[in-house]
Amino acid sequence: MGKSRNYRMEYDRYASSEEQKKKRATRNKAHRMMEKALKKDIKADIDHIKPLSKGGQNTLSNLRVRSASDNRSFARDKHAHMK
């Protein structure tokens, strides 16, 4: 077998960074906003129609409920870049 993976180190380097904490807080806020608007618990993913990284806003008009498989798969061009 190969070298064992150090998950603690990965978390410390990536998931606990300030940038990742802010992104996670934004995603959680969008999920809470949608649950409040629909007045029910949502087990599916909340998708930003226009991604935050492309200038989209964290508003109800830019949010939609999607299945995890739909939300996590993206159309890609022949070079495997997201369209």
N, C-alpha and C. Protein backbone atom coordinates (compact mmCIF):
# COMPACT_ATOMS: atom_id res chain seq x y z
N MET A 1 0.83 -1.20 0.00
CA MET A 1 0.00 0.00 0.00
C MET A 1 0.87 1.26 0.00
N GLY A 2 0.25 2.35 -0.33
CA GLY A 2 0.96 3.62 -0.37
C GLY A 2 1.01 4.29 0.99
N LYS A 3 1.51 5.46 1.00
CA LYS A 3 1.64 6.26 2.20
C LYS A 3 0.24 6.64 2.72
N SER A 4 0.06 6.60 4.04
CA SER A 4 -1.25 6.95 4.58
C SER A 4 -1.49 8.45 4.45
N ARG A 5 -2.74 8.80 4.33
CA ARG A 5 -3.14 10.18 4.10
C ARG A 5 -3.31 10.92 5.42
N ASN A 6 -2.78 12.12 5.51
CA ASN A 6 -2.87 12.92 6.72
C ASN A 6 -4.04 13.91 6.57
N TYR A 7 -5.22 13.46 6.97
CA TYR A 7 -6.42 14.27 6.82
C TYR A 7 -6.37 15.53 7.69
N ARG A 8 -5.79 15.44 8.85
CA ARG A 8 -5.69 16.60 9.74
C ARG A 8 -4.89 17.72 9.08
N MET A 9 -3.78 17.35 8.47
CA MET A 9 -2.95 18.35 7.79
C MET A 9 -3.72 18.96 6.61
N GLU A 10 -4.43 18.14 5.85
CA GLU A 10 -5.22 18.66 4.73
C GLU A 10 -6.26 19.65 5.23
N TYR A 11 -6.95 19.30 6.31
CA TYR A 11 -7.96 20.20 6.86
C TYR A 11 -7.33 21.51 7.30
N ASP A 12 -6.23 21.41 8.02
CA ASP A 12 -5.57 22.62 8.52
C ASP A 12 -5.11 23.53 7.39
N ARG A 13 -4.65 22.93 6.30
CA ARG A 13 -4.16 23.74 5.16
C ARG A 13 -5.29 24.32 4.32
N TYR A 14 -6.40 23.60 4.19
CA TYR A 14 -7.43 24.01 3.25
C TYR A 14 -8.73 24.44 3.94
N ALA A 15 -9.40 23.53 4.61
CA ALA A 15 -10.74 23.79 5.11
C ALA A 15 -10.79 24.80 6.24
N SER A 16 -9.69 24.95 6.97
CA SER A 16 -9.72 25.90 8.07
C SER A 16 -9.15 27.26 7.69
N SER A 17 -8.87 27.48 6.40
CA SER A 17 -8.37 28.79 5.98
C SER A 17 -9.51 29.81 6.05
N GLU A 18 -9.16 31.04 6.25
CA GLU A 18 -10.18 32.10 6.36
C GLU A 18 -11.04 32.19 5.11
N GLU A 19 -10.42 32.03 3.94
CA GLU A 19 -11.17 32.09 2.68
C GLU A 19 -12.22 30.99 2.62
N GLN A 20 -11.86 29.77 3.00
CA GLN A 20 -12.80 28.66 2.96
C GLN A 20 -13.90 28.82 4.00
N LYS A 21 -13.57 29.37 5.15
CA LYS A 21 -14.58 29.62 6.18
C LYS A 21 -15.62 30.62 5.67
N LYS A 22 -15.18 31.66 4.96
CA LYS A 22 -16.11 32.65 4.42
C LYS A 22 -17.00 32.03 3.35
N LYS A 23 -16.41 31.20 2.48
CA LYS A 23 -17.21 30.54 1.43
C LYS A 23 -18.24 29.60 2.04
N ARG A 24 -17.83 28.85 3.07
CA ARG A 24 -18.75 27.92 3.74
C ARG A 24 -19.89 28.69 4.40
N ALA A 25 -19.57 29.82 5.03
CA ALA A 25 -20.60 30.64 5.68
C ALA A 25 -21.59 31.17 4.65
N THR A 26 -21.11 31.55 3.48
CA THR A 26 -21.98 32.05 2.41
C THR A 26 -22.91 30.95 1.92
N ARG A 27 -22.37 29.73 1.72
CA ARG A 27 -23.21 28.62 1.29
C ARG A 27 -24.26 28.28 2.35
N ASN A 28 -23.87 28.28 3.60
CA ASN A 28 -24.81 27.99 4.68
C ASN A 28 -25.91 29.04 4.76
N LYS A 29 -25.55 30.31 4.55
CA LYS A 29 -26.54 31.39 4.57
C LYS A 29 -27.56 31.20 3.44
N ALA A 30 -27.09 30.83 2.26
CA ALA A 30 -27.99 30.59 1.13
C ALA A 30 -28.95 29.45 1.44
N HIS A 31 -28.45 28.41 2.06
CA HIS A 31 -29.30 27.26 2.42
C HIS A 31 -30.37 27.68 3.43
N ARG A 32 -29.98 28.44 4.43
CA ARG A 32 -30.96 28.91 5.43
C ARG A 32 -32.00 29.84 4.81
N MET A 33 -31.57 30.72 3.91
CA MET A 33 -32.50 31.63 3.25
C MET A 33 -33.56 30.85 2.47
N MET A 34 -33.12 29.83 1.73
CA MET A 34 -34.05 29.05 0.92
C MET A 34 -35.00 28.25 1.80
N GLU A 35 -34.50 27.67 2.88
CA GLU A 35 -35.37 26.93 3.79
C GLU A 35 -36.42 27.85 4.41
N LYS A 36 -36.02 29.05 4.76
CA LYS A 36 -36.97 30.01 5.35
C LYS A 36 -38.02 30.41 4.32
N ALA A 37 -37.60 30.64 3.09
CA ALA A 37 -38.53 31.06 2.03
C ALA A 37 -39.53 29.95 1.70
N LEU A 38 -39.06 28.71 1.67
CA LEU A 38 -39.94 27.58 1.33
C LEU A 38 -40.65 27.00 2.55
N LYS A 39 -40.24 27.43 3.74
CA LYS A 39 -40.84 26.98 5.01
C LYS A 39 -40.77 25.47 5.18
N LYS A 40 -39.62 24.89 4.82
CA LYS A 40 -39.41 23.46 5.04
C LYS A 40 -37.92 23.15 5.00
N ASP A 41 -37.57 21.99 5.58
CA ASP A 41 -36.19 21.54 5.54
C ASP A 41 -35.85 21.08 4.14
N ILE A 42 -34.69 21.43 3.68
CA ILE A 42 -34.25 21.05 2.34
C ILE A 42 -33.05 20.13 2.48
N LYS A 43 -33.18 18.93 1.95
CA LYS A 43 -32.09 17.96 1.98
C LYS A 43 -31.24 18.04 0.71
N ALA A 44 -31.74 18.66 -0.33
CA ALA A 44 -31.01 18.78 -1.59
C ALA A 44 -30.02 19.95 -1.51
N ASP A 45 -29.28 20.16 -2.58
CA ASP A 45 -28.33 21.26 -2.64
C ASP A 45 -29.04 22.55 -3.06
N ILE A 46 -28.49 23.65 -2.62
CA ILE A 46 -28.94 24.97 -3.07
C ILE A 46 -27.91 25.45 -4.08
N ASP A 47 -28.37 25.78 -5.26
CA ASP A 47 -27.49 26.17 -6.36
C ASP A 47 -27.64 27.66 -6.62
N HIS A 48 -26.53 28.33 -6.86
CA HIS A 48 -26.56 29.72 -7.30
C HIS A 48 -26.66 29.69 -8.83
N ILE A 49 -27.69 30.29 -9.39
CA ILE A 49 -27.89 30.29 -10.83
C ILE A 49 -26.69 30.95 -11.51
N LYS A 50 -26.34 32.13 -11.04
CA LYS A 50 -25.09 32.77 -11.46
C LYS A 50 -24.12 32.60 -10.30
N PRO A 51 -23.06 31.82 -10.46
CA PRO A 51 -22.16 31.52 -9.35
C PRO A 51 -21.59 32.77 -8.69
N LEU A 52 -21.37 32.67 -7.40
CA LEU A 52 -20.77 33.78 -6.66
C LEU A 52 -19.42 34.15 -7.25
N SER A 53 -18.68 33.14 -7.71
CA SER A 53 -17.35 33.38 -8.28
C SER A 53 -17.42 34.15 -9.59
N LYS A 54 -18.60 34.18 -10.23
CA LYS A 54 -18.77 34.91 -11.49
C LYS A 54 -19.55 36.20 -11.29
N GLY A 55 -19.67 36.64 -10.02
CA GLY A 55 -20.34 37.91 -9.74
C GLY A 55 -21.79 37.77 -9.33
N GLY A 56 -22.27 36.55 -9.13
CA GLY A 56 -23.65 36.33 -8.70
C GLY A 56 -23.86 36.78 -7.27
N GLN A 57 -25.11 36.97 -6.90
CA GLN A 57 -25.45 37.43 -5.56
C GLN A 57 -26.05 36.30 -4.74
N ASN A 58 -26.04 36.46 -3.44
CA ASN A 58 -26.61 35.49 -2.52
C ASN A 58 -28.04 35.94 -2.18
N THR A 59 -28.88 36.05 -3.23
CA THR A 59 -30.26 36.48 -3.06
C THR A 59 -31.20 35.37 -3.51
N LEU A 60 -32.44 35.41 -3.04
CA LEU A 60 -33.41 34.37 -3.41
C LEU A 60 -33.61 34.27 -4.91
N SER A 61 -33.53 35.38 -5.62
CA SER A 61 -33.74 35.33 -7.07
C SER A 61 -32.59 34.62 -7.79
N ASN A 62 -31.46 34.44 -7.12
CA ASN A 62 -30.32 33.76 -7.72
C ASN A 62 -30.13 32.35 -7.18
N LEU A 63 -31.07 31.86 -6.38
CA LEU A 63 -30.96 30.54 -5.77
C LEU A 63 -32.01 29.59 -6.33
N ARG A 64 -31.66 28.30 -6.38
CA ARG A 64 -32.62 27.28 -6.77
C ARG A 64 -32.23 25.97 -6.07
N VAL A 65 -33.22 25.10 -5.89
CA VAL A 65 -32.99 23.81 -5.26
C VAL A 65 -32.69 22.80 -6.37
N ARG A 66 -31.60 22.06 -6.21
CA ARG A 66 -31.21 21.04 -7.19
C ARG A 66 -30.73 19.80 -6.47
N SER A 67 -30.85 18.68 -7.13
CA SER A 67 -30.32 17.45 -6.54
C SER A 67 -28.80 17.56 -6.49
N ALA A 68 -28.20 16.81 -5.59
CA ALA A 68 -26.75 16.86 -5.43
C ALA A 68 -26.05 16.47 -6.73
N SER A 69 -26.56 15.44 -7.41
CA SER A 69 -25.90 15.01 -8.65
C SER A 69 -26.01 16.06 -9.75
N ASP A 70 -27.14 16.75 -9.83
CA ASP A 70 -27.29 17.81 -10.83
C ASP A 70 -26.41 19.01 -10.49
N ASN A 71 -26.34 19.34 -9.21
CA ASN A 71 -25.60 20.53 -8.80
C ASN A 71 -24.10 20.33 -8.88
N ARG A 72 -23.64 19.10 -8.78
CA ARG A 72 -22.20 18.86 -8.73
C ARG A 72 -21.63 18.36 -10.04
N SER A 73 -22.44 18.33 -11.08
CA SER A 73 -21.92 17.96 -12.40
C SER A 73 -22.08 19.18 -13.30
N PHE A 74 -21.06 19.46 -14.08
CA PHE A 74 -21.07 20.65 -14.90
C PHE A 74 -20.79 20.28 -16.34
N ALA A 75 -21.42 20.99 -17.25
CA ALA A 75 -21.12 20.79 -18.66
C ALA A 75 -19.68 21.25 -18.90
N ARG A 76 -18.96 20.47 -19.66
CA ARG A 76 -17.56 20.79 -19.93
C ARG A 76 -17.31 20.79 -21.44
N ASP A 77 -16.34 21.60 -21.86
CA ASP A 77 -15.98 21.63 -23.27
C ASP A 77 -15.00 20.50 -23.57
N LYS A 78 -14.51 20.42 -24.78
CA LYS A 78 -13.63 19.32 -25.18
C LYS A 78 -12.30 19.31 -24.44
N HIS A 79 -11.96 20.42 -23.78
CA HIS A 79 -10.71 20.50 -23.01
C HIS A 79 -10.96 20.28 -21.52
N ALA A 80 -12.16 19.82 -21.17
CA ALA A 80 -12.56 19.53 -19.79
C ALA A 80 -12.68 20.78 -18.92
N HIS A 81 -12.83 21.94 -19.55
CA HIS A 81 -13.07 23.16 -18.79
C HIS A 81 -14.58 23.36 -18.65
N MET A 82 -15.00 23.94 -17.52
CA MET A 82 -16.42 24.19 -17.31
C MET A 82 -16.88 25.24 -18.31
N LYS A 83 -18.09 25.01 -18.87
CA LYS A 83 -18.67 25.98 -19.81
C LYS A 83 -19.29 27.12 -19.06
